[in-house]
Amino acid sequence: MSILQPEELYSRIFNSSVVAIGLTDILGAYKIVNPSWSRMLGYSAQEAKHLTISDVTPAEDRAQSMMNYDKLISGELSSLRVQRRYLCKSGDIIWADLHVSTIIDKDKQVLGVLGMFVNIDPLIAAEDNLSQLNYELTRANIELKQANEKLSLLARKDELTGLNNRRVLEEALEQELLRSSRTKRGFTVAIADIDDFKKVNDTYGHDCGDEALKALSIVLRNGIRSMDHVGRWGGEEFLFVLPETSLEGSQIVLDRIRRRVEEIDLKCNGQQVKLSISIGMTYCEGQCERNHVVKEA
């Protein structure tokens, strides 16, 4: 038996599970569902992305459902097991044994909710399936435990570029502000923006724009030290946090990255696409305020 990489293993668990699995954000909107979820409720994975928990809950059950969800999001509950009804795409209503668990980051902040359920319509009609359902739920709990850590990691990465997302960058920035205030040693904050990125999208299409962001991200990641931070701040903006670095040293690093971006070999629809970035930077030493340094950069 070949050894699978963690990502492939989690993907196979997710897609082959006989238990319906759905991941929702803090507003109750579905972000991803597995094939069993789609089979039970009748919605495709793509259709599910346009649904909320209320959309798959009978009208008379919605108040109780959202009350339970609010307790999870607020942190009052970390997990919950209930028997509840689901409203299928066909209009049919099924009973399900549901186990939900919050997904949290390292600061105990709730990022979303992972729900796993099995259809217990046969159990409501006759109790003869009880032992099988218990077995499935036990298996689901094992899968949930294995998947939670991976999902928490994914929640801290930008989906397109694989770089740190804004949440992680804000944490890194806060840590460096505290360290600089304590040690009086400075650090650099910089923001890079792709020049004329709208023109790339308008001329070559959004698929090309996505490829440009991916190619740029590789250059940014390879251009910094392991102790440095870079991630997607938003849109075509990328933020750097460079600890224990002089202003002159930061300028050298960022200018080298800027030149390497201009060397990116990107082709879209048979045409060469040239990229360049503009970088703004500021230096913090001692007492600084987060919003101020970002705005200054």
C-alpha atoms as a PDB file:
ATOM      1  CA  MET A   1       0.000   0.000   0.000  1.00  0.00           C
ATOM      2  CA  SER A   2       1.515   3.342  -1.043  1.00  0.00           C
ATOM      3  CA  ILE A   3       1.756   6.136   1.524  1.00  0.00           C
ATOM      4  CA  LEU A   4      -0.528   9.036   0.685  1.00  0.00           C
ATOM      5  CA  GLN A   5       0.358  12.652   1.324  1.00  0.00           C
ATOM      6  CA  PRO A   6      -1.772  14.264   4.076  1.00  0.00           C
ATOM      7  CA  GLU A   7      -3.640  16.482   1.603  1.00  0.00           C
ATOM      8  CA  GLU A   8      -4.592  13.533  -0.612  1.00  0.00           C
ATOM      9  CA  LEU A   9      -5.537  11.415   2.402  1.00  0.00           C
ATOM     10  CA  TYR A  10      -7.846  14.087   3.805  1.00  0.00           C
ATOM     11  CA  SER A  11      -9.368  14.587   0.361  1.00  0.00           C
ATOM     12  CA  ARG A  12     -10.109  10.862   0.013  1.00  0.00           C
ATOM     13  CA  ILE A  13     -11.602  10.696   3.501  1.00  0.00           C
ATOM     14  CA  PHE A  14     -13.785  13.701   2.733  1.00  0.00           C
ATOM     15  CA  ASN A  15     -14.989  12.471  -0.660  1.00  0.00           C
ATOM     16  CA  SER A  16     -15.469   8.771   0.180  1.00  0.00           C
ATOM     17  CA  SER A  17     -17.166   9.159   3.560  1.00  0.00           C
ATOM     18  CA  VAL A  18     -20.685   7.737   3.721  1.00  0.00           C
ATOM     19  CA  VAL A  19     -21.420  10.496   6.225  1.00  0.00           C
ATOM     20  CA  ALA A  20     -22.644  13.829   4.848  1.00  0.00           C
ATOM     21  CA  ILE A  21     -20.130  16.577   5.596  1.00  0.00           C
ATOM     22  CA  GLY A  22     -20.622  20.327   5.158  1.00  0.00           C
ATOM     23  CA  LEU A  23     -18.395  23.255   6.121  1.00  0.00           C
ATOM     24  CA  THR A  24     -20.058  26.620   6.797  1.00  0.00           C
ATOM     25  CA  ASP A  25     -18.625  30.036   7.627  1.00  0.00           C
ATOM     26  CA  ILE A  26     -19.568  32.139  10.660  1.00  0.00           C
ATOM     27  CA  LEU A  27     -22.640  33.441   8.809  1.00  0.00           C
ATOM     28  CA  GLY A  28     -23.956  29.947   8.109  1.00  0.00           C
ATOM     29  CA  ALA A  29     -23.120  29.949   4.380  1.00  0.00           C
ATOM     30  CA  TYR A  30     -21.887  26.663   2.929  1.00  0.00           C
ATOM     31  CA  LYS A  31     -18.304  26.714   1.653  1.00  0.00           C
ATOM     32  CA  ILE A  32     -17.783  23.058   0.778  1.00  0.00           C
ATOM     33  CA  VAL A  33     -19.795  19.819   0.946  1.00  0.00           C
ATOM     34  CA  ASN A  34     -18.907  16.211   0.186  1.00  0.00           C
ATOM     35  CA  PRO A  35     -20.653  13.839  -2.267  1.00  0.00           C
ATOM     36  CA  SER A  36     -22.703  12.172   0.496  1.00  0.00           C
ATOM     37  CA  TRP A  37     -24.111  15.576   1.490  1.00  0.00           C
ATOM     38  CA  SER A  38     -25.094  16.221  -2.126  1.00  0.00           C
ATOM     39  CA  ARG A  39     -26.728  12.788  -2.476  1.00  0.00           C
ATOM     40  CA  MET A  40     -28.780  13.187   0.684  1.00  0.00           C
ATOM     41  CA  LEU A  41     -30.039  16.733   0.052  1.00  0.00           C
ATOM     42  CA  GLY A  42     -30.096  16.747  -3.759  1.00  0.00           C
ATOM     43  CA  TYR A  43     -27.882  19.814  -4.299  1.00  0.00           C
ATOM     44  CA  SER A  44     -24.641  19.701  -6.264  1.00  0.00           C
ATOM     45  CA  ALA A  45     -21.444  20.905  -4.611  1.00  0.00           C
ATOM     46  CA  GLN A  46     -21.620  24.056  -6.741  1.00  0.00           C
ATOM     47  CA  GLU A  47     -25.259  24.726  -5.818  1.00  0.00           C
ATOM     48  CA  ALA A  48     -24.397  24.297  -2.143  1.00  0.00           C
ATOM     49  CA  LYS A  49     -22.051  27.290  -2.307  1.00  0.00           C
ATOM     50  CA  HIS A  50     -25.128  29.483  -2.788  1.00  0.00           C
ATOM     51  CA  LEU A  51     -26.988  28.024   0.222  1.00  0.00           C
ATOM     52  CA  THR A  52     -27.123  28.797   3.918  1.00  0.00           C
ATOM     53  CA  ILE A  53     -28.178  26.568   6.806  1.00  0.00           C
ATOM     54  CA  SER A  54     -31.613  28.207   6.752  1.00  0.00           C
ATOM     55  CA  ASP A  55     -32.084  27.175   3.099  1.00  0.00           C
ATOM     56  CA  VAL A  56     -31.865  23.466   4.028  1.00  0.00           C
ATOM     57  CA  THR A  57     -33.951  23.782   7.213  1.00  0.00           C
ATOM     58  CA  PRO A  58     -37.761  23.568   7.286  1.00  0.00           C
ATOM     59  CA  ALA A  59     -39.274  26.970   8.086  1.00  0.00           C
ATOM     60  CA  GLU A  60     -40.705  25.865  11.430  1.00  0.00           C
ATOM     61  CA  ASP A  61     -37.297  24.595  12.600  1.00  0.00           C
ATOM     62  CA  ARG A  62     -35.170  27.605  11.601  1.00  0.00           C
ATOM     63  CA  ALA A  63     -35.400  29.545  14.851  1.00  0.00           C
ATOM     64  CA  GLN A  64     -34.071  26.616  16.919  1.00  0.00           C
ATOM     65  CA  SER A  65     -31.446  25.804  14.294  1.00  0.00           C
ATOM     66  CA  MET A  66     -30.043  29.366  14.283  1.00  0.00           C
ATOM     67  CA  MET A  67     -30.145  29.511  18.089  1.00  0.00           C
ATOM     68  CA  ASN A  68     -27.884  26.437  18.220  1.00  0.00           C
ATOM     69  CA  TYR A  69     -25.633  27.890  15.515  1.00  0.00           C
ATOM     70  CA  ASP A  70     -25.241  31.190  17.383  1.00  0.00           C
ATOM     71  CA  LYS A  71     -24.110  29.282  20.480  1.00  0.00           C
ATOM     72  CA  LEU A  72     -21.380  27.597  18.427  1.00  0.00           C
ATOM     73  CA  ILE A  73     -20.201  30.793  16.740  1.00  0.00           C
ATOM     74  CA  SER A  74     -20.174  32.737  20.022  1.00  0.00           C
ATOM     75  CA  GLY A  75     -18.055  30.051  21.685  1.00  0.00           C
ATOM     76  CA  GLU A  76     -20.748  29.070  24.184  1.00  0.00           C
ATOM     77  CA  LEU A  77     -20.583  25.578  22.674  1.00  0.00           C
ATOM     78  CA  SER A  78     -17.636  23.912  20.918  1.00  0.00           C
ATOM     79  CA  SER A  79     -19.634  20.957  19.606  1.00  0.00           C
ATOM     80  CA  LEU A  80     -23.209  19.755  19.472  1.00  0.00           C
ATOM     81  CA  ARG A  81     -25.066  16.576  18.601  1.00  0.00           C
ATOM     82  CA  VAL A  82     -28.755  16.802  17.730  1.00  0.00           C
ATOM     83  CA  GLN A  83     -31.427  15.051  15.747  1.00  0.00           C
ATOM     84  CA  ARG A  84     -32.811  17.561  13.260  1.00  0.00           C
ATOM     85  CA  ARG A  85     -34.709  17.766   9.996  1.00  0.00           C
ATOM     86  CA  TYR A  86     -33.302  18.798   6.623  1.00  0.00           C
ATOM     87  CA  LEU A  87     -35.214  20.264   3.694  1.00  0.00           C
ATOM     88  CA  CYS A  88     -34.054  18.621   0.445  1.00  0.00           C
ATOM     89  CA  LYS A  89     -33.961  20.245  -2.983  1.00  0.00           C
ATOM     90  CA  SER A  90     -36.912  18.048  -3.995  1.00  0.00           C
ATOM     91  CA  GLY A  91     -39.016  19.458  -1.156  1.00  0.00           C
ATOM     92  CA  ASP A  92     -38.789  16.220   0.847  1.00  0.00           C
ATOM     93  CA  ILE A  93     -37.868  16.438   4.530  1.00  0.00           C
ATOM     94  CA  ILE A  94     -35.485  13.937   6.085  1.00  0.00           C
ATOM     95  CA  TRP A  95     -34.413  13.327   9.650  1.00  0.00           C
ATOM     96  CA  ALA A  96     -30.683  13.347  10.382  1.00  0.00           C
ATOM     97  CA  ASP A  97     -28.411  12.617  13.313  1.00  0.00           C
ATOM     98  CA  LEU A  98     -26.104  15.652  13.247  1.00  0.00           C
ATOM     99  CA  HIS A  99     -22.753  16.186  14.927  1.00  0.00           C
ATOM    100  CA  VAL A 100     -21.244  19.677  14.585  1.00  0.00           C
ATOM    101  CA  SER A 101     -17.935  21.043  15.780  1.00  0.00           C
ATOM    102  CA  THR A 102     -16.418  24.504  15.581  1.00  0.00           C
ATOM    103  CA  ILE A 103     -13.175  25.095  13.687  1.00  0.00           C
ATOM    104  CA  ILE A 104     -10.949  27.488  15.614  1.00  0.00           C
ATOM    105  CA  ASP A 105      -7.580  29.133  15.064  1.00  0.00           C
ATOM    106  CA  LYS A 106      -4.690  29.164  17.510  1.00  0.00           C
ATOM    107  CA  ASP A 107      -6.227  32.155  19.289  1.00  0.00           C
ATOM    108  CA  LYS A 108      -9.457  30.214  19.887  1.00  0.00           C
ATOM    109  CA  GLN A 109     -11.344  32.376  17.389  1.00  0.00           C
ATOM    110  CA  VAL A 110     -14.157  30.542  15.574  1.00  0.00           C
ATOM    111  CA  LEU A 111     -13.529  30.351  11.813  1.00  0.00           C
ATOM    112  CA  GLY A 112     -16.536  28.220  10.884  1.00  0.00           C
ATOM    113  CA  VAL A 113     -18.502  25.077  11.675  1.00  0.00           C
ATOM    114  CA  LEU A 114     -18.045  21.523  10.393  1.00  0.00           C
ATOM    115  CA  GLY A 115     -21.292  19.532  10.356  1.00  0.00           C
ATOM    116  CA  MET A 116     -21.536  15.775   9.789  1.00  0.00           C
ATOM    117  CA  PHE A 117     -24.786  13.845   9.645  1.00  0.00           C
ATOM    118  CA  VAL A 118     -26.397  10.573   8.682  1.00  0.00           C
ATOM    119  CA  ASN A 119     -29.951  10.102   7.440  1.00  0.00           C
ATOM    120  CA  ILE A 120     -32.047   8.524  10.220  1.00  0.00           C
ATOM    121  CA  ASP A 121     -35.404   8.397   8.451  1.00  0.00           C
ATOM    122  CA  PRO A 122     -35.355   4.588   8.729  1.00  0.00           C
ATOM    123  CA  LEU A 123     -34.658   4.915  12.455  1.00  0.00           C
ATOM    124  CA  ILE A 124     -37.647   7.188  12.960  1.00  0.00           C
ATOM    125  CA  ALA A 125     -39.792   4.582  11.213  1.00  0.00           C
ATOM    126  CA  ALA A 126     -38.172   1.576  12.896  1.00  0.00           C
ATOM    127  CA  GLU A 127     -35.310   1.272  15.399  1.00  0.00           C
ATOM    128  CA  ASP A 128     -33.593  -1.592  13.585  1.00  0.00           C
ATOM    129  CA  ASN A 129     -30.810   0.609  12.160  1.00  0.00           C
ATOM    130  CA  LEU A 130     -29.581   1.969  15.502  1.00  0.00           C
ATOM    131  CA  SER A 131     -26.385  -0.097  15.797  1.00  0.00           C
ATOM    132  CA  GLN A 132     -25.309   0.765  12.237  1.00  0.00           C
ATOM    133  CA  LEU A 133     -25.908   4.464  12.783  1.00  0.00           C
ATOM    134  CA  ASN A 134     -23.827   4.436  15.966  1.00  0.00           C
ATOM    135  CA  TYR A 135     -21.016   2.819  14.040  1.00  0.00           C
ATOM    136  CA  GLU A 136     -21.209   5.465  11.305  1.00  0.00           C
ATOM    137  CA  LEU A 137     -21.221   8.319  13.806  1.00  0.00           C
ATOM    138  CA  THR A 138     -18.189   6.897  15.610  1.00  0.00           C
ATOM    139  CA  ARG A 139     -16.391   6.704  12.291  1.00  0.00           C
ATOM    140  CA  ALA A 140     -17.495  10.253  11.506  1.00  0.00           C
ATOM    141  CA  ASN A 141     -16.052  11.510  14.794  1.00  0.00           C
ATOM    142  CA  ILE A 142     -12.697   9.935  13.941  1.00  0.00           C
ATOM    143  CA  GLU A 143     -12.760  11.586  10.515  1.00  0.00           C
ATOM    144  CA  LEU A 144     -13.727  14.888  12.108  1.00  0.00           C
ATOM    145  CA  LYS A 145     -10.789  14.770  14.494  1.00  0.00           C
ATOM    146  CA  GLN A 146      -8.365  13.980  11.651  1.00  0.00           C
ATOM    147  CA  ALA A 147      -9.770  16.703   9.387  1.00  0.00           C
ATOM    148  CA  ASN A 148     -10.040  19.543  11.925  1.00  0.00           C
ATOM    149  CA  GLU A 149      -6.314  20.261  12.106  1.00  0.00           C
ATOM    150  CA  LYS A 150      -5.986  20.304   8.326  1.00  0.00           C
ATOM    151  CA  LEU A 151      -9.020  22.571   7.907  1.00  0.00           C
ATOM    152  CA  SER A 152      -7.675  24.977  10.534  1.00  0.00           C
ATOM    153  CA  LEU A 153      -4.439  25.229   8.555  1.00  0.00           C
ATOM    154  CA  LEU A 154      -6.268  25.825   5.288  1.00  0.00           C
ATOM    155  CA  ALA A 155      -8.289  28.594   6.931  1.00  0.00           C
ATOM    156  CA  ARG A 156      -5.036  30.540   7.428  1.00  0.00           C
ATOM    157  CA  LYS A 157      -3.893  30.397   3.813  1.00  0.00           C
ATOM    158  CA  ASP A 158      -5.033  32.379   0.784  1.00  0.00           C
ATOM    159  CA  GLU A 159      -6.788  29.829  -1.429  1.00  0.00           C
ATOM    160  CA  LEU A 160      -5.439  31.109  -4.760  1.00  0.00           C
ATOM    161  CA  THR A 161      -1.796  31.908  -3.959  1.00  0.00           C
ATOM    162  CA  GLY A 162      -1.069  29.628  -1.016  1.00  0.00           C
ATOM    163  CA  LEU A 163       0.428  32.589   0.867  1.00  0.00           C
ATOM    164  CA  ASN A 164      -0.621  33.621   4.348  1.00  0.00           C
ATOM    165  CA  ASN A 165      -3.981  35.360   4.425  1.00  0.00           C
ATOM    166  CA  ARG A 166      -4.793  38.709   6.027  1.00  0.00           C
ATOM    167  CA  ARG A 167      -5.621  37.175   9.406  1.00  0.00           C
ATOM    168  CA  VAL A 168      -2.124  35.668   9.704  1.00  0.00           C
ATOM    169  CA  LEU A 169      -0.471  38.901   8.535  1.00  0.00           C
ATOM    170  CA  GLU A 170      -2.339  40.921  11.152  1.00  0.00           C
ATOM    171  CA  GLU A 171      -1.147  38.494  13.828  1.00  0.00           C
ATOM    172  CA  ALA A 172       2.463  38.747  12.626  1.00  0.00           C
ATOM    173  CA  LEU A 173       2.247  42.532  12.536  1.00  0.00           C
ATOM    174  CA  GLU A 174       0.859  42.660  16.070  1.00  0.00           C
ATOM    175  CA  GLN A 175       3.640  40.390  17.348  1.00  0.00           C
ATOM    176  CA  GLU A 176       6.326  42.551  15.776  1.00  0.00           C
ATOM    177  CA  LEU A 177       4.806  45.742  17.169  1.00  0.00           C
ATOM    178  CA  LEU A 178       4.912  44.260  20.667  1.00  0.00           C
ATOM    179  CA  ARG A 179       8.458  42.973  20.198  1.00  0.00           C
ATOM    180  CA  SER A 180       9.703  46.295  18.844  1.00  0.00           C
ATOM    181  CA  SER A 181       8.058  48.166  21.698  1.00  0.00           C
ATOM    182  CA  ARG A 182       9.803  45.883  24.175  1.00  0.00           C
ATOM    183  CA  THR A 183      13.272  45.606  22.580  1.00  0.00           C
ATOM    184  CA  LYS A 184      13.413  48.964  20.729  1.00  0.00           C
ATOM    185  CA  ARG A 185      14.690  47.084  17.666  1.00  0.00           C
ATOM    186  CA  GLY A 186      13.026  48.018  14.417  1.00  0.00           C
ATOM    187  CA  PHE A 187      11.260  46.184  11.622  1.00  0.00           C
ATOM    188  CA  THR A 188       9.908  46.990   8.170  1.00  0.00           C
ATOM    189  CA  VAL A 189       6.346  46.887   6.893  1.00  0.00           C
ATOM    190  CA  ALA A 190       5.881  47.035   3.118  1.00  0.00           C
ATOM    191  CA  ILE A 191       2.983  46.706   0.710  1.00  0.00           C
ATOM    192  CA  ALA A 192       3.449  45.601  -2.904  1.00  0.00           C
ATOM    193  CA  ASP A 193       0.846  46.278  -5.575  1.00  0.00           C
ATOM    194  CA  ILE A 194       0.807  44.870  -9.121  1.00  0.00           C
ATOM    195  CA  ASP A 195       1.058  47.676 -11.647  1.00  0.00           C
ATOM    196  CA  ASP A 196      -1.905  47.942 -14.057  1.00  0.00           C
ATOM    197  CA  PHE A 197      -3.347  44.624 -12.864  1.00  0.00           C
ATOM    198  CA  LYS A 198      -6.787  45.578 -14.168  1.00  0.00           C
ATOM    199  CA  LYS A 199      -5.233  45.841 -17.629  1.00  0.00           C
ATOM    200  CA  VAL A 200      -3.946  42.253 -17.340  1.00  0.00           C
ATOM    201  CA  ASN A 201      -7.442  41.005 -16.485  1.00  0.00           C
ATOM    202  CA  ASP A 202      -9.133  43.118 -19.166  1.00  0.00           C
ATOM    203  CA  THR A 203      -6.630  42.183 -21.891  1.00  0.00           C
ATOM    204  CA  TYR A 204      -5.933  38.518 -21.199  1.00  0.00           C
ATOM    205  CA  GLY A 205      -8.857  37.426 -18.993  1.00  0.00           C
ATOM    206  CA  HIS A 206      -9.274  36.666 -15.301  1.00  0.00           C
ATOM    207  CA  ASP A 207      -7.738  33.195 -15.670  1.00  0.00           C
ATOM    208  CA  CYS A 208      -4.536  34.894 -16.743  1.00  0.00           C
ATOM    209  CA  GLY A 209      -4.868  37.295 -13.825  1.00  0.00           C
ATOM    210  CA  ASP A 210      -5.040  34.332 -11.452  1.00  0.00           C
ATOM    211  CA  GLU A 211      -1.929  32.809 -13.038  1.00  0.00           C
ATOM    212  CA  ALA A 212      -0.145  36.142 -12.626  1.00  0.00           C
ATOM    213  CA  LEU A 213      -0.997  36.215  -8.918  1.00  0.00           C
ATOM    214  CA  LYS A 214       0.285  32.647  -8.489  1.00  0.00           C
ATOM    215  CA  ALA A 215       3.546  33.362 -10.329  1.00  0.00           C
ATOM    216  CA  LEU A 216       4.085  36.545  -8.347  1.00  0.00           C
ATOM    217  CA  SER A 217       3.449  34.723  -5.071  1.00  0.00           C
ATOM    218  CA  ILE A 218       6.253  32.249  -5.788  1.00  0.00           C
ATOM    219  CA  VAL A 219       8.723  35.102  -6.295  1.00  0.00           C
ATOM    220  CA  LEU A 220       7.593  36.831  -3.096  1.00  0.00           C
ATOM    221  CA  ARG A 221       7.819  33.646  -1.035  1.00  0.00           C
ATOM    222  CA  ASN A 222      11.290  32.767  -2.362  1.00  0.00           C
ATOM    223  CA  GLY A 223      12.578  36.305  -1.895  1.00  0.00           C
ATOM    224  CA  ILE A 224      12.320  36.492   1.897  1.00  0.00           C
ATOM    225  CA  ARG A 225      13.915  34.782   4.886  1.00  0.00           C
ATOM    226  CA  SER A 226      12.196  32.100   6.953  1.00  0.00           C
ATOM    227  CA  MET A 227      11.690  34.602   9.787  1.00  0.00           C
ATOM    228  CA  ASP A 228       9.973  37.109   7.475  1.00  0.00           C
ATOM    229  CA  HIS A 229       6.274  37.222   6.613  1.00  0.00           C
ATOM    230  CA  VAL A 230       4.520  37.839   3.304  1.00  0.00           C
ATOM    231  CA  GLY A 231       0.918  37.259   2.355  1.00  0.00           C
ATOM    232  CA  ARG A 232      -2.022  38.454   0.351  1.00  0.00           C
ATOM    233  CA  TRP A 233      -3.409  41.584   1.955  1.00  0.00           C
ATOM    234  CA  GLY A 234      -6.295  41.882  -0.505  1.00  0.00           C
ATOM    235  CA  GLY A 235      -6.885  41.831  -4.272  1.00  0.00           C
ATOM    236  CA  GLU A 236      -3.498  42.395  -5.933  1.00  0.00           C
ATOM    237  CA  GLU A 237      -1.903  43.778  -2.745  1.00  0.00           C
ATOM    238  CA  PHE A 238       0.709  41.844  -0.770  1.00  0.00           C
ATOM    239  CA  LEU A 239       2.042  42.801   2.661  1.00  0.00           C
ATOM    240  CA  PHE A 240       5.553  42.147   4.024  1.00  0.00           C
ATOM    241  CA  VAL A 241       6.648  42.123   7.654  1.00  0.00           C
ATOM    242  CA  LEU A 242      10.470  41.992   7.893  1.00  0.00           C
ATOM    243  CA  PRO A 243      11.682  41.666  11.515  1.00  0.00           C
ATOM    244  CA  GLU A 244      15.192  42.464  12.777  1.00  0.00           C
ATOM    245  CA  THR A 245      16.031  44.324   9.575  1.00  0.00           C
ATOM    246  CA  SER A 246      17.500  47.753   8.990  1.00  0.00           C
ATOM    247  CA  LEU A 247      15.818  50.193   6.637  1.00  0.00           C
ATOM    248  CA  GLU A 248      18.702  49.860   4.179  1.00  0.00           C
ATOM    249  CA  GLY A 249      18.620  46.056   4.353  1.00  0.00           C
ATOM    250  CA  SER A 250      14.879  46.030   3.705  1.00  0.00           C
ATOM    251  CA  GLN A 251      15.314  48.273   0.674  1.00  0.00           C
ATOM    252  CA  ILE A 252      17.859  45.855  -0.784  1.00  0.00           C
ATOM    253  CA  VAL A 253      15.565  42.838  -0.263  1.00  0.00           C
ATOM    254  CA  LEU A 254      12.466  44.524  -1.647  1.00  0.00           C
ATOM    255  CA  ASP A 255      14.267  45.984  -4.650  1.00  0.00           C
ATOM    256  CA  ARG A 256      15.664  42.531  -5.467  1.00  0.00           C
ATOM    257  CA  ILE A 257      12.119  41.091  -5.304  1.00  0.00           C
ATOM    258  CA  ARG A 258      10.848  43.918  -7.532  1.00  0.00           C
ATOM    259  CA  ARG A 259      13.470  43.114 -10.190  1.00  0.00           C
ATOM    260  CA  ARG A 260      12.733  39.378 -10.052  1.00  0.00           C
ATOM    261  CA  VAL A 261       9.031  40.038 -10.609  1.00  0.00           C
ATOM    262  CA  GLU A 262       9.927  41.826 -13.839  1.00  0.00           C
ATOM    263  CA  GLU A 263      11.748  38.634 -14.930  1.00  0.00           C
ATOM    264  CA  ILE A 264       8.666  36.407 -14.542  1.00  0.00           C
ATOM    265  CA  ASP A 265       8.080  34.423 -17.748  1.00  0.00           C
ATOM    266  CA  LEU A 266       4.277  34.330 -18.052  1.00  0.00           C
ATOM    267  CA  LYS A 267       2.409  33.472 -21.241  1.00  0.00           C
ATOM    268  CA  CYS A 268      -1.352  33.736 -21.727  1.00  0.00           C
ATOM    269  CA  ASN A 269      -3.084  32.666 -24.928  1.00  0.00           C
ATOM    270  CA  GLY A 270       0.290  32.510 -26.627  1.00  0.00           C
ATOM    271  CA  GLN A 271       1.226  36.054 -25.621  1.00  0.00           C
ATOM    272  CA  GLN A 272       3.986  37.207 -23.292  1.00  0.00           C
ATOM    273  CA  VAL A 273       2.647  39.022 -20.231  1.00  0.00           C
ATOM    274  CA  LYS A 274       5.006  41.373 -18.431  1.00  0.00           C
ATOM    275  CA  LEU A 275       4.507  42.060 -14.739  1.00  0.00           C
ATOM    276  CA  SER A 276       5.851  44.746 -12.460  1.00  0.00           C
ATOM    277  CA  ILE A 277       5.116  45.849  -8.937  1.00  0.00           C
ATOM    278  CA  SER A 278       5.324  49.033  -6.913  1.00  0.00           C
ATOM    279  CA  ILE A 279       6.338  48.721  -3.273  1.00  0.00           C
ATOM    280  CA  GLY A 280       5.684  51.147  -0.436  1.00  0.00           C
ATOM    281  CA  MET A 281       7.470  50.674   2.866  1.00  0.00           C
ATOM    282  CA  THR A 282       7.830  52.142   6.332  1.00  0.00           C
ATOM    283  CA  TYR A 283      10.136  51.450   9.237  1.00  0.00           C
ATOM    284  CA  CYS A 284       8.941  50.982  12.816  1.00  0.00           C
ATOM    285  CA  GLU A 285      11.214  51.256  15.823  1.00  0.00           C
ATOM    286  CA  GLY A 286       9.871  51.318  19.362  1.00  0.00           C
ATOM    287  CA  GLN A 287       6.312  52.503  19.886  1.00  0.00           C
ATOM    288  CA  CYS A 288       4.218  52.302  16.687  1.00  0.00           C
ATOM    289  CA  GLU A 289       0.498  51.945  15.988  1.00  0.00           C
ATOM    290  CA  ARG A 290      -0.644  49.180  13.647  1.00  0.00           C
ATOM    291  CA  ASN A 291      -3.078  51.117  11.472  1.00  0.00           C
ATOM    292  CA  HIS A 292      -0.588  53.947  11.136  1.00  0.00           C
ATOM    293  CA  VAL A 293       2.295  51.789   9.873  1.00  0.00           C
ATOM    294  CA  VAL A 294       0.087  50.008   7.356  1.00  0.00           C
ATOM    295  CA  LYS A 295      -1.357  53.282   6.118  1.00  0.00           C
ATOM    296  CA  GLU A 296       2.116  54.807   5.889  1.00  0.00           C
ATOM    297  CA  ALA A 297       3.401  51.819   3.892  1.00  0.00           C
END
